[in-house]
C-alpha atoms as a PDB file:
ATOM      1  CA  UNK A   1     -84.269   3.255 172.772  1.00  0.00           C
ATOM      2  CA  UNK A   2     -88.071   3.155 172.562  1.00  0.00           C
ATOM      3  CA  UNK A   3     -88.562   4.315 176.074  1.00  0.00           C
ATOM      4  CA  UNK A   4     -85.942   6.802 175.481  1.00  0.00           C
ATOM      5  CA  UNK A   5     -87.582   8.117 172.621  1.00  0.00           C
ATOM      6  CA  UNK A   6     -91.356   8.147 174.192  1.00  0.00           C
ATOM      7  CA  UNK A   7     -89.815   9.685 177.485  1.00  0.00           C
ATOM      8  CA  UNK A   8     -88.487  12.718 175.312  1.00  0.00           C
ATOM      9  CA  UNK A   9     -91.720  13.015 173.716  1.00  0.00           C
ATOM     10  CA  UNK A  10     -93.692  13.286 176.622  1.00  0.00           C
ATOM     11  CA  UNK A  11     -90.836  15.729 178.080  1.00  0.00           C
ATOM     12  CA  UNK A  12     -91.188  18.054 175.413  1.00  0.00           C
ATOM     13  CA  UNK A  13     -95.103  17.761 175.697  1.00  0.00           C
ATOM     14  CA  UNK A  14     -94.722  18.592 179.081  1.00  0.00           C
ATOM     15  CA  UNK A  15     -92.691  21.427 178.466  1.00  0.00           C
ATOM     16  CA  UNK A  16     -94.719  22.870 175.567  1.00  0.00           C
ATOM     17  CA  UNK A  17     -92.170  22.000 173.312  1.00  0.00           C
ATOM     18  CA  UNK A  18     -93.251  21.567 169.532  1.00  0.00           C
ATOM     19  CA  UNK A  19     -91.173  18.915 168.084  1.00  0.00           C
ATOM     20  CA  UNK A  20     -90.107  18.587 164.101  1.00  0.00           C
ATOM     21  CA  UNK A  21     -88.691  15.739 164.171  1.00  0.00           C
ATOM     22  CA  UNK A  22     -86.676  13.033 166.030  1.00  0.00           C
ATOM     23  CA  UNK A  23     -83.786  11.391 165.155  1.00  0.00           C
ATOM     24  CA  UNK A  24     -83.040   7.896 166.166  1.00  0.00           C
ATOM     25  CA  UNK A  25     -79.121   7.099 166.196  1.00  0.00           C
ATOM     26  CA  UNK A  26     -77.312   3.769 167.055  1.00  0.00           C
ATOM     27  CA  UNK A  27     -74.087   3.451 167.697  1.00  0.00           C
ATOM     28  CA  UNK A  28     -71.004   4.816 170.501  1.00  0.00           C
ATOM     29  CA  UNK A  29     -71.126   8.163 172.235  1.00  0.00           C
ATOM     30  CA  UNK A  30     -67.247   7.961 170.832  1.00  0.00           C
ATOM     31  CA  UNK A  31     -67.610   7.696 167.444  1.00  0.00           C
ATOM     32  CA  UNK A  32     -68.361  10.651 165.498  1.00  0.00           C
ATOM     33  CA  UNK A  33     -68.636   9.967 161.938  1.00  0.00           C
ATOM     34  CA  UNK A  34     -72.396   8.486 162.575  1.00  0.00           C
ATOM     35  CA  UNK A  35     -74.711   9.247 159.742  1.00  0.00           C
ATOM     36  CA  UNK A  36     -77.553  10.448 161.364  1.00  0.00           C
ATOM     37  CA  UNK A  37     -75.114  12.903 164.017  1.00  0.00           C
ATOM     38  CA  UNK A  38     -73.131  14.210 161.462  1.00  0.00           C
ATOM     39  CA  UNK A  39     -76.641  15.393 158.949  1.00  0.00           C
ATOM     40  CA  UNK A  40     -77.987  17.059 162.372  1.00  0.00           C
ATOM     41  CA  UNK A  41     -74.464  19.271 162.933  1.00  0.00           C
ATOM     42  CA  UNK A  42     -74.357  19.914 159.755  1.00  0.00           C
ATOM     43  CA  UNK A  43     -78.413  21.319 159.828  1.00  0.00           C
ATOM     44  CA  UNK A  44     -76.643  22.857 163.226  1.00  0.00           C
ATOM     45  CA  UNK A  45     -74.086  24.747 161.175  1.00  0.00           C
ATOM     46  CA  UNK A  46     -76.699  26.088 158.678  1.00  0.00           C
ATOM     47  CA  UNK A  47     -79.405  27.440 161.168  1.00  0.00           C
ATOM     48  CA  UNK A  48     -82.049  24.914 160.492  1.00  0.00           C
ATOM     49  CA  UNK A  49     -81.332  23.115 164.218  1.00  0.00           C
ATOM     50  CA  UNK A  50     -82.943  25.262 166.684  1.00  0.00           C
ATOM     51  CA  UNK A  51     -82.472  23.131 169.984  1.00  0.00           C
ATOM     52  CA  UNK A  52     -81.469  19.322 170.426  1.00  0.00           C
ATOM     53  CA  UNK A  53     -83.359  17.586 173.374  1.00  0.00           C
ATOM     54  CA  UNK A  54     -81.314  14.809 174.717  1.00  0.00           C
ATOM     55  CA  UNK A  55     -81.920  11.973 177.534  1.00  0.00           C
ATOM     56  CA  UNK A  56     -77.813  11.998 178.349  1.00  0.00           C
ATOM     57  CA  UNK A  57     -74.998  14.209 177.535  1.00  0.00           C
ATOM     58  CA  UNK A  58     -73.242  10.393 176.566  1.00  0.00           C
ATOM     59  CA  UNK A  59     -75.943  10.052 174.300  1.00  0.00           C
ATOM     60  CA  UNK A  60     -75.052  12.741 172.682  1.00  0.00           C
ATOM     61  CA  UNK A  61     -70.909  12.745 172.302  1.00  0.00           C
ATOM     62  CA  UNK A  62     -68.955  10.470 174.678  1.00  0.00           C
ATOM     63  CA  UNK A  63     -66.159  13.481 175.557  1.00  0.00           C
ATOM     64  CA  UNK A  64     -66.008  16.840 174.686  1.00  0.00           C
ATOM     65  CA  UNK A  65     -69.639  17.615 175.638  1.00  0.00           C
ATOM     66  CA  UNK A  66     -69.052  20.784 176.896  1.00  0.00           C
ATOM     67  CA  UNK A  67     -66.589  21.699 173.625  1.00  0.00           C
ATOM     68  CA  UNK A  68     -70.138  20.992 171.425  1.00  0.00           C
ATOM     69  CA  UNK A  69     -72.277  22.583 173.695  1.00  0.00           C
ATOM     70  CA  UNK A  70     -69.845  25.610 172.557  1.00  0.00           C
ATOM     71  CA  UNK A  71     -69.423  25.528 169.471  1.00  0.00           C
ATOM     72  CA  UNK A  72     -73.442  24.612 168.933  1.00  0.00           C
ATOM     73  CA  UNK A  73     -74.540  27.943 171.101  1.00  0.00           C
ATOM     74  CA  UNK A  74     -71.842  29.713 168.410  1.00  0.00           C
ATOM     75  CA  UNK A  75     -75.090  28.593 165.504  1.00  0.00           C
ATOM     76  CA  UNK A  76     -77.822  30.029 168.648  1.00  0.00           C
ATOM     77  CA  UNK A  77     -78.729  25.816 168.583  1.00  0.00           C
ATOM     78  CA  UNK A  78     -79.615  25.194 172.376  1.00  0.00           C
ATOM     79  CA  UNK A  79     -78.714  21.759 173.711  1.00  0.00           C
ATOM     80  CA  UNK A  80     -81.253  20.693 176.370  1.00  0.00           C
ATOM     81  CA  UNK A  81     -79.986  17.308 178.734  1.00  0.00           C
ATOM     82  CA  UNK A  82     -83.293  15.759 179.797  1.00  0.00           C
ATOM     83  CA  UNK A  83     -81.513  13.764 182.740  1.00  0.00           C
ATOM     84  CA  UNK A  84     -78.405  16.026 183.760  1.00  0.00           C
ATOM     85  CA  UNK A  85     -76.721  13.512 186.695  1.00  0.00           C
ATOM     86  CA  UNK A  86     -74.268  15.353 188.228  1.00  0.00           C
ATOM     87  CA  UNK A  87     -71.062  12.711 188.724  1.00  0.00           C
ATOM     88  CA  UNK A  88     -67.992  12.755 191.025  1.00  0.00           C
ATOM     89  CA  UNK A  89     -64.795  13.450 188.615  1.00  0.00           C
ATOM     90  CA  UNK A  90     -64.222   9.787 189.748  1.00  0.00           C
ATOM     91  CA  UNK A  91     -67.565   8.051 188.660  1.00  0.00           C
ATOM     92  CA  UNK A  92     -67.114  10.369 185.664  1.00  0.00           C
ATOM     93  CA  UNK A  93     -64.054   8.777 185.117  1.00  0.00           C
ATOM     94  CA  UNK A  94     -64.801   5.106 185.525  1.00  0.00           C
ATOM     95  CA  UNK A  95     -67.864   5.419 183.025  1.00  0.00           C
ATOM     96  CA  UNK A  96     -65.738   6.548 180.739  1.00  0.00           C
ATOM     97  CA  UNK A  97     -63.263   3.658 181.343  1.00  0.00           C
ATOM     98  CA  UNK A  98     -65.976   1.557 180.698  1.00  0.00           C
ATOM     99  CA  UNK A  99     -67.295   3.026 178.267  1.00  0.00           C
ATOM    100  CA  UNK A 100     -63.771   2.666 175.881  1.00  0.00           C
ATOM    101  CA  UNK A 101     -62.994  -0.959 177.214  1.00  0.00           C
ATOM    102  CA  UNK A 102     -66.616  -1.454 175.468  1.00  0.00           C
ATOM    103  CA  UNK A 103     -66.174   0.241 171.962  1.00  0.00           C
ATOM    104  CA  UNK A 104     -62.606  -1.811 171.852  1.00  0.00           C
ATOM    105  CA  UNK A 105     -63.882  -5.077 172.974  1.00  0.00           C
ATOM    106  CA  UNK A 106     -66.613  -4.955 170.308  1.00  0.00           C
ATOM    107  CA  UNK A 107     -64.163  -4.211 167.759  1.00  0.00           C
ATOM    108  CA  UNK A 108     -61.864  -7.174 168.901  1.00  0.00           C
ATOM    109  CA  UNK A 109     -64.589  -9.490 168.810  1.00  0.00           C
ATOM    110  CA  UNK A 110     -65.766  -8.169 165.233  1.00  0.00           C
ATOM    111  CA  UNK A 111     -62.091  -8.813 164.151  1.00  0.00           C
ATOM    112  CA  UNK A 112     -62.975 -12.685 164.804  1.00  0.00           C
ATOM    113  CA  UNK A 113     -65.069 -13.148 161.446  1.00  0.00           C
ATOM    114  CA  UNK A 114     -61.944 -12.052 159.387  1.00  0.00           C
ATOM    115  CA  UNK A 115     -59.873 -14.979 161.133  1.00  0.00           C
ATOM    116  CA  UNK A 116     -61.709 -17.804 158.761  1.00  0.00           C
ATOM    117  CA  UNK A 117     -60.937 -15.413 155.436  1.00  0.00           C
ATOM    118  CA  UNK A 118     -57.160 -14.707 156.288  1.00  0.00           C
ATOM    119  CA  UNK A 119     -56.605 -18.795 156.731  1.00  0.00           C
ATOM    120  CA  UNK A 120     -58.324 -19.158 152.974  1.00  0.00           C
ATOM    121  CA  UNK A 121     -56.090 -16.171 151.832  1.00  0.00           C
ATOM    122  CA  UNK A 122     -52.788 -17.467 151.294  1.00  0.00           C
ATOM    123  CA  UNK A 123     -51.126 -14.720 150.268  1.00  0.00           C
ATOM    124  CA  UNK A 124     -52.373 -13.067 153.561  1.00  0.00           C
ATOM    125  CA  UNK A 125     -51.434 -16.513 155.177  1.00  0.00           C
ATOM    126  CA  UNK A 126     -47.797 -16.234 154.064  1.00  0.00           C
ATOM    127  CA  UNK A 127     -47.264 -12.374 154.690  1.00  0.00           C
ATOM    128  CA  UNK A 128     -48.172 -13.289 158.578  1.00  0.00           C
ATOM    129  CA  UNK A 129     -46.188 -16.492 158.942  1.00  0.00           C
ATOM    130  CA  UNK A 130     -42.915 -14.390 156.914  1.00  0.00           C
ATOM    131  CA  UNK A 131     -43.480 -12.237 160.295  1.00  0.00           C
ATOM    132  CA  UNK A 132     -43.145 -14.474 162.665  1.00  0.00           C
END
Protein backbone atom coordinates (compact mmCIF):
# COMPACT_ATOMS: atom_id res chain seq x y z
CA UNK A 1 0.00 0.00 0.00
CA UNK A 2 2.88 2.37 0.75
CA UNK A 3 4.14 2.08 -2.82
CA UNK A 4 0.72 3.06 -4.13
CA UNK A 5 0.58 6.08 -1.83
CA UNK A 6 4.00 7.23 -3.03
CA UNK A 7 2.96 6.55 -6.63
CA UNK A 8 -0.12 8.77 -6.18
CA UNK A 9 1.98 11.49 -4.50
CA UNK A 10 4.43 11.40 -7.41
CA UNK A 11 1.58 11.52 -9.92
CA UNK A 12 -0.01 14.52 -8.19
CA UNK A 13 3.34 16.29 -7.94
CA UNK A 14 4.13 15.70 -11.63
CA UNK A 15 0.64 16.91 -12.59
CA UNK A 16 0.93 20.06 -10.49
CA UNK A 17 -1.79 18.94 -8.10
CA UNK A 18 -1.40 19.98 -4.47
CA UNK A 19 -2.63 17.29 -2.11
CA UNK A 20 -4.46 18.45 0.99
CA UNK A 21 -4.82 14.99 2.45
CA UNK A 22 -3.88 11.40 1.67
CA UNK A 23 -6.34 8.79 2.90
CA UNK A 24 -5.29 5.17 3.22
CA UNK A 25 -8.30 2.94 3.62
CA UNK A 26 -7.76 -0.77 4.04
CA UNK A 27 -10.69 -2.94 3.18
CA UNK A 28 -12.60 -4.57 0.42
CA UNK A 29 -13.99 -2.60 -2.48
CA UNK A 30 -17.15 -4.63 -1.87
CA UNK A 31 -17.57 -3.13 1.60
CA UNK A 32 -19.43 0.18 1.57
CA UNK A 33 -19.26 0.49 5.34
CA UNK A 34 -15.62 1.54 5.66
CA UNK A 35 -15.16 4.38 8.13
CA UNK A 36 -12.67 6.48 6.12
CA UNK A 37 -14.47 5.83 2.83
CA UNK A 38 -17.81 6.95 4.28
CA UNK A 39 -16.17 10.06 5.76
CA UNK A 40 -14.76 10.85 2.31
CA UNK A 41 -18.18 10.45 0.66
CA UNK A 42 -19.76 12.65 3.34
CA UNK A 43 -17.13 15.34 2.74
CA UNK A 44 -17.81 15.14 -1.00
CA UNK A 45 -21.51 15.69 -0.36
CA UNK A 46 -20.77 18.80 1.71
CA UNK A 47 -18.50 20.19 -1.03
CA UNK A 48 -15.33 19.86 1.03
CA UNK A 49 -13.64 17.71 -1.63
CA UNK A 50 -12.70 18.92 -5.10
CA UNK A 51 -11.12 15.79 -6.55
CA UNK A 52 -10.13 12.26 -5.58
CA UNK A 53 -7.10 10.54 -7.09
CA UNK A 54 -7.14 6.74 -7.07
CA UNK A 55 -4.84 4.10 -8.54
CA UNK A 56 -7.56 1.80 -9.92
CA UNK A 57 -11.34 2.01 -10.15
CA UNK A 58 -11.77 -1.07 -8.00
CA UNK A 59 -9.63 0.44 -5.23
CA UNK A 60 -12.39 2.97 -4.72
CA UNK A 61 -15.38 0.71 -5.20
CA UNK A 62 -15.52 -2.76 -6.75
CA UNK A 63 -18.99 -2.57 -8.30
CA UNK A 64 -20.89 0.47 -9.46
CA UNK A 65 -17.90 2.72 -10.14
CA UNK A 66 -19.73 4.51 -12.95
CA UNK A 67 -22.66 5.21 -10.61
CA UNK A 68 -20.35 6.64 -7.92
CA UNK A 69 -18.50 8.73 -10.50
CA UNK A 70 -21.79 10.19 -11.70
CA UNK A 71 -23.05 10.64 -8.13
CA UNK A 72 -19.91 12.53 -7.10
CA UNK A 73 -20.06 14.68 -10.22
CA UNK A 74 -23.37 16.05 -8.87
CA UNK A 75 -21.24 17.56 -6.07
CA UNK A 76 -18.55 18.75 -8.54
CA UNK A 77 -16.10 16.10 -7.32
CA UNK A 78 -13.76 14.80 -10.00
CA UNK A 79 -12.49 11.22 -9.80
CA UNK A 80 -9.03 10.83 -11.32
CA UNK A 81 -8.03 7.25 -12.09
CA UNK A 82 -4.26 7.03 -12.56
CA UNK A 83 -4.12 3.47 -13.91
CA UNK A 84 -7.13 3.35 -16.18
CA UNK A 85 -6.46 0.09 -17.97
CA UNK A 86 -9.29 -1.08 -20.14
CA UNK A 87 -10.31 -4.70 -19.84
CA UNK A 88 -12.53 -6.76 -22.06
CA UNK A 89 -15.94 -7.60 -20.59
CA UNK A 90 -14.74 -11.18 -20.06
CA UNK A 91 -11.59 -10.10 -18.20
CA UNK A 92 -13.61 -7.71 -16.05
CA UNK A 93 -16.11 -10.46 -15.20
CA UNK A 94 -13.31 -12.86 -14.23
CA UNK A 95 -11.77 -10.21 -11.95
CA UNK A 96 -15.18 -9.57 -10.35
CA UNK A 97 -15.76 -13.28 -9.70
CA UNK A 98 -12.29 -13.69 -8.21
CA UNK A 99 -12.88 -10.69 -5.96
CA UNK A 100 -16.21 -12.09 -4.74
CA UNK A 101 -14.67 -15.50 -4.04
CA UNK A 102 -11.80 -13.84 -2.18
CA UNK A 103 -14.11 -11.83 0.09
CA UNK A 104 -16.43 -14.71 0.91
CA UNK A 105 -13.49 -17.06 1.40
CA UNK A 106 -12.18 -14.79 4.13
CA UNK A 107 -15.62 -14.55 5.70
CA UNK A 108 -15.84 -18.34 5.94
CA UNK A 109 -12.30 -18.50 7.30
CA UNK A 110 -13.26 -15.88 9.91
CA UNK A 111 -16.09 -18.09 11.15
CA UNK A 112 -13.63 -20.79 12.20
CA UNK A 113 -12.65 -18.85 15.31
CA UNK A 114 -16.22 -19.23 16.58
CA UNK A 115 -16.28 -23.06 16.44
CA UNK A 116 -14.61 -23.39 19.83
CA UNK A 117 -16.96 -20.83 21.39
CA UNK A 118 -19.97 -22.66 19.96
CA UNK A 119 -18.76 -25.96 21.42
CA UNK A 120 -18.25 -24.31 24.81
CA UNK A 121 -21.68 -22.67 24.83
CA UNK A 122 -24.12 -25.42 25.85
CA UNK A 123 -27.21 -23.53 24.69
CA UNK A 124 -25.90 -23.01 21.16
CA UNK A 125 -24.57 -26.57 21.01
CA UNK A 126 -27.98 -27.93 22.07
CA UNK A 127 -29.87 -25.83 19.49
CA UNK A 128 -27.53 -27.03 16.75
CA UNK A 129 -28.05 -30.64 17.79
CA UNK A 130 -31.83 -30.16 17.85
CA UNK A 131 -31.73 -29.00 14.21
CA UNK A 132 -30.02 -32.20 13.13
